[in-house]
Amino acid sequence: MTPVLDARLGAVLNLIRAEVHADIGSDHAHLPIRLVQAGRVRRCLVVEVNPGPLRHARENVALAGLSDRIEVREGNGLSPLRPGEVGSASLTGMGANTILSILEAGEERLPPALVVQPNDSPRILREWARGSGFQLTHEALAPGFWTYPVLRFEAHPGPDPAYEGLPLEAALRYGPHLLASRHPLLLGQVQQDIARLTPLAAPARPAQAELETASSALACLLKSSR
């Protein structure tokens, strides 16, 4: 069995490399299977709390012939992991608030590297990382039902250099690496935000601040293109 990953999970896979990795809320275990098959991890732990997906994950791991390298555990969030057991973990296909609650609840079990793919704005995850000793080392955008952000955080002390020289609000909202690289999907997203917010903006309205953030992001993208 060789699962075919969509663009979203393919972008996640490309940001993972570790001896031992944990996929939290894995569902069908397609990502862990491909991580092992591609040689990006030596071993993988699959964590799933729901009975149906838990059963599917175990079945798929067995079909792939990887039961000796992928262990499926029942449990919620990071709780089934032992402190220091894994070098990295992934949390994908969830809302940013759900991911944040898992990270906060499992603080003592956090590995030194995290790859997250929220289904909505990752701003609160960037803010969490800045206040929790993690730096944002890589970002990607993947096309799909909507544009999916994928972020990799690594534990490092001190200020995050990714934000240097960028307007902070724009970098937190849209991503410092995406702004610096002038990601083509980001340019379209920022332009859409400006078109949506312009008729709503007025002094003291929330849309006004959002429009100013989007406009400063656009200025960064256009500046970097010259």
Protein backbone atom coordinates (compact mmCIF):
# COMPACT_ATOMS: atom_id res chain seq x y z
CA MET A 1 0.00 0.00 0.00
CA THR A 2 1.42 3.36 -1.09
CA PRO A 3 -0.96 6.21 -0.24
CA VAL A 4 -1.25 9.14 -2.62
CA LEU A 5 -1.09 12.43 -0.72
CA ASP A 6 -2.90 15.54 -1.86
CA ALA A 7 -1.06 18.86 -2.20
CA ARG A 8 -1.85 19.75 1.43
CA LEU A 9 -0.32 16.64 2.99
CA GLY A 10 2.45 16.65 0.39
CA ALA A 11 3.49 20.08 1.65
CA VAL A 12 3.43 18.76 5.22
CA LEU A 13 5.58 15.75 4.29
CA ASN A 14 8.20 18.02 2.72
CA LEU A 15 8.70 19.85 6.04
CA ILE A 16 9.23 16.70 8.13
CA ARG A 17 12.51 14.86 8.70
CA ALA A 18 13.25 13.08 11.97
CA GLU A 19 14.35 9.82 13.50
CA VAL A 20 11.04 9.41 15.33
CA HIS A 21 7.96 11.44 14.43
CA ALA A 22 4.42 11.60 15.83
CA ASP A 23 1.34 12.39 13.73
CA ILE A 24 -1.42 13.67 16.01
CA GLY A 25 -5.00 13.12 14.87
CA SER A 26 -3.71 11.05 11.98
CA ASP A 27 -7.06 9.73 10.74
CA HIS A 28 -6.14 7.25 7.96
CA ALA A 29 -2.35 7.22 8.73
CA HIS A 30 -1.52 8.02 5.10
CA LEU A 31 1.01 10.70 6.08
CA PRO A 32 2.98 8.46 8.50
CA ILE A 33 3.03 5.64 5.96
CA ARG A 34 4.44 7.90 3.26
CA LEU A 35 6.95 9.45 5.69
CA VAL A 36 8.41 6.02 6.42
CA GLN A 37 8.25 4.87 2.79
CA ALA A 38 9.99 8.04 1.61
CA GLY A 39 12.75 7.65 4.20
CA ARG A 40 11.96 10.94 5.89
CA VAL A 41 11.51 9.24 9.28
CA ARG A 42 12.79 5.98 10.73
CA ARG A 43 9.83 5.38 13.02
CA CYS A 44 6.44 7.01 13.44
CA LEU A 45 3.83 7.15 16.18
CA VAL A 46 0.21 7.60 15.13
CA VAL A 47 -2.15 9.15 17.68
CA GLU A 48 -5.89 9.02 17.13
CA VAL A 49 -8.73 9.44 19.62
CA ASN A 50 -11.77 8.47 17.52
CA PRO A 51 -12.58 4.74 17.21
CA GLY A 52 -13.31 4.71 13.46
CA PRO A 53 -10.14 6.52 12.33
CA LEU A 54 -8.14 4.54 14.92
CA ARG A 55 -9.27 1.29 13.33
CA HIS A 56 -8.58 2.58 9.81
CA ALA A 57 -5.10 3.72 10.81
CA ARG A 58 -4.24 0.28 12.21
CA GLU A 59 -5.62 -1.44 9.11
CA ASN A 60 -3.69 0.80 6.73
CA VAL A 61 -0.42 0.42 8.63
CA ALA A 62 -0.83 -3.37 8.49
CA LEU A 63 -1.66 -3.27 4.76
CA ALA A 64 1.48 -1.24 4.14
CA GLY A 65 3.55 -3.86 5.99
CA LEU A 66 4.88 -1.25 8.40
CA SER A 67 3.60 -2.43 11.77
CA ASP A 68 7.20 -2.79 12.96
CA ARG A 69 7.96 0.89 12.22
CA ILE A 70 4.63 2.64 12.82
CA GLU A 71 2.90 2.34 16.18
CA VAL A 72 -0.74 3.38 16.47
CA ARG A 73 -1.80 4.69 19.88
CA GLU A 74 -5.23 5.63 21.13
CA GLY A 75 -5.38 8.93 22.93
CA ASN A 76 -5.99 12.66 22.79
CA GLY A 77 -3.43 15.17 21.56
CA LEU A 78 0.11 14.74 22.85
CA SER A 79 -0.93 12.82 25.97
CA PRO A 80 -0.01 9.33 24.61
CA LEU A 81 3.60 10.49 24.06
CA ARG A 82 6.35 10.29 26.65
CA PRO A 83 8.44 13.44 27.16
CA GLY A 84 11.42 13.33 24.79
CA GLU A 85 10.08 10.30 22.92
CA VAL A 86 9.83 11.94 19.48
CA GLY A 87 11.91 14.49 17.61
CA SER A 88 8.99 16.11 15.84
CA ALA A 89 5.21 16.05 15.63
CA SER A 90 2.61 17.06 13.06
CA LEU A 91 -0.92 18.37 13.60
CA THR A 92 -2.92 18.74 10.40
CA GLY A 93 -6.45 19.25 9.14
CA MET A 94 -7.66 21.02 12.31
CA GLY A 95 -8.65 24.54 13.22
CA ALA A 96 -5.87 26.75 14.56
CA ASN A 97 -7.60 27.00 17.95
CA THR A 98 -7.76 23.21 18.23
CA ILE A 99 -4.07 22.92 17.40
CA LEU A 100 -3.26 25.64 19.92
CA SER A 101 -5.21 23.88 22.68
CA ILE A 102 -3.32 20.62 21.98
CA LEU A 103 0.05 22.38 22.13
CA GLU A 104 -0.81 24.19 25.35
CA ALA A 105 -2.24 21.07 27.02
CA GLY A 106 0.82 19.00 26.08
CA GLU A 107 3.48 21.54 26.98
CA GLU A 108 5.70 19.06 28.84
CA ARG A 109 5.59 16.65 25.87
CA LEU A 110 6.36 19.14 23.10
CA PRO A 111 9.11 17.86 20.77
CA PRO A 112 11.81 20.22 19.46
CA ALA A 113 10.13 20.47 16.05
CA LEU A 114 6.48 20.93 15.09
CA VAL A 115 4.77 20.97 11.69
CA VAL A 116 1.23 22.35 11.73
CA GLN A 117 -1.39 22.75 9.02
CA PRO A 118 -4.43 24.64 10.28
CA ASN A 119 -7.59 24.92 8.21
CA ASP A 120 -7.89 28.63 9.01
CA SER A 121 -5.62 31.56 9.85
CA PRO A 122 -2.40 30.42 11.57
CA ARG A 123 -1.80 33.80 13.20
CA ILE A 124 -2.46 32.55 16.75
CA LEU A 125 0.04 29.73 16.18
CA ARG A 126 2.72 32.18 15.07
CA GLU A 127 1.99 34.25 18.18
CA TRP A 128 2.14 31.15 20.39
CA ALA A 129 5.51 30.17 18.95
CA ARG A 130 6.98 33.64 19.54
CA GLY A 131 6.01 33.41 23.20
CA SER A 132 6.90 29.76 23.75
CA GLY A 133 10.54 29.46 22.68
CA PHE A 134 9.88 28.29 19.13
CA GLN A 135 11.04 29.94 15.91
CA LEU A 136 9.26 29.74 12.58
CA THR A 137 11.78 28.12 10.24
CA HIS A 138 9.71 27.22 7.15
CA GLU A 139 6.31 28.05 5.66
CA ALA A 140 4.41 26.78 2.65
CA LEU A 141 1.03 27.28 1.01
CA ALA A 142 -0.80 24.41 -0.69
CA PRO A 143 -3.75 24.71 -3.08
CA GLY A 144 -6.95 22.80 -2.41
CA PHE A 145 -10.53 23.46 -1.33
CA TRP A 146 -8.95 26.68 -0.02
CA THR A 147 -5.32 27.71 0.38
CA TYR A 148 -3.74 25.69 3.19
CA PRO A 149 -0.87 27.14 5.26
CA VAL A 150 1.83 24.77 6.49
CA LEU A 151 4.34 25.91 9.13
CA ARG A 152 7.38 24.37 10.78
CA PHE A 153 8.43 25.55 14.25
CA GLU A 154 11.72 24.63 15.93
CA ALA A 155 12.68 25.18 19.55
CA HIS A 156 15.27 27.99 19.69
CA PRO A 157 15.90 30.65 22.35
CA GLY A 158 15.81 34.33 21.55
CA PRO A 159 13.92 36.49 19.06
CA ASP A 160 12.80 34.88 15.82
CA PRO A 161 14.90 36.26 12.94
CA ALA A 162 12.15 35.46 10.43
CA TYR A 163 10.32 38.65 11.43
CA GLU A 164 13.28 41.01 11.12
CA GLY A 165 12.72 43.88 8.69
CA LEU A 166 9.03 43.11 8.18
CA PRO A 167 5.91 44.88 9.50
CA LEU A 168 4.96 42.69 12.45
CA GLU A 169 1.19 42.72 11.94
CA ALA A 170 1.52 41.72 8.29
CA ALA A 171 4.09 39.04 9.11
CA LEU A 172 1.92 37.54 11.86
CA ARG A 173 -1.15 37.57 9.63
CA TYR A 174 0.37 36.37 6.36
CA GLY A 175 3.67 34.74 7.32
CA PRO A 176 7.18 36.20 7.29
CA HIS A 177 8.72 33.56 5.04
CA LEU A 178 5.81 33.77 2.60
CA LEU A 179 6.14 37.55 2.44
CA ALA A 180 9.91 37.39 2.00
CA SER A 181 9.67 34.79 -0.78
CA ARG A 182 6.77 36.55 -2.49
CA HIS A 183 4.79 33.34 -2.66
CA PRO A 184 2.42 33.52 -5.67
CA LEU A 185 -0.52 32.07 -3.75
CA LEU A 186 -0.01 34.67 -1.02
CA LEU A 187 -0.06 37.55 -3.49
CA GLY A 188 -3.49 36.46 -4.70
CA GLN A 189 -4.74 36.03 -1.13
CA VAL A 190 -3.62 39.52 -0.10
CA GLN A 191 -5.18 41.08 -3.18
CA GLN A 192 -8.46 39.32 -2.45
CA ASP A 193 -8.38 40.54 1.15
CA ILE A 194 -7.86 44.14 0.02
CA ALA A 195 -10.75 43.90 -2.46
CA ARG A 196 -13.00 42.42 0.26
CA LEU A 197 -12.03 44.86 3.01
CA THR A 198 -11.93 48.12 1.06
CA PRO A 199 -15.72 48.70 0.95
CA LEU A 200 -16.02 47.72 4.64
CA ALA A 201 -13.21 49.88 6.02
CA ALA A 202 -13.84 53.07 7.93
CA PRO A 203 -12.21 54.73 10.96
CA ALA A 204 -12.71 52.71 14.19
CA ARG A 205 -14.02 49.69 12.31
CA PRO A 206 -12.13 46.37 12.60
CA ALA A 207 -12.01 46.18 8.82
CA GLN A 208 -9.89 49.34 8.76
CA ALA A 209 -7.07 47.72 10.75
CA GLU A 210 -7.33 44.55 8.67
CA LEU A 211 -7.11 46.60 5.48
CA GLU A 212 -4.03 48.41 6.74
CA THR A 213 -2.39 45.05 7.54
CA ALA A 214 -3.23 43.68 4.10
CA SER A 215 -1.97 46.86 2.44
CA SER A 216 1.36 46.69 4.26
CA ALA A 217 1.67 43.02 3.23
CA LEU A 218 1.03 43.99 -0.40
CA ALA A 219 3.71 46.67 -0.16
CA CYS A 220 6.19 44.03 1.06
CA LEU A 221 5.29 41.69 -1.78
CA LEU A 222 5.60 44.37 -4.43
CA LYS A 223 8.84 45.68 -2.95
CA SER A 224 10.44 42.24 -2.97
CA SER A 225 9.48 41.80 -6.63
CA ARG A 226 11.53 44.79 -7.81
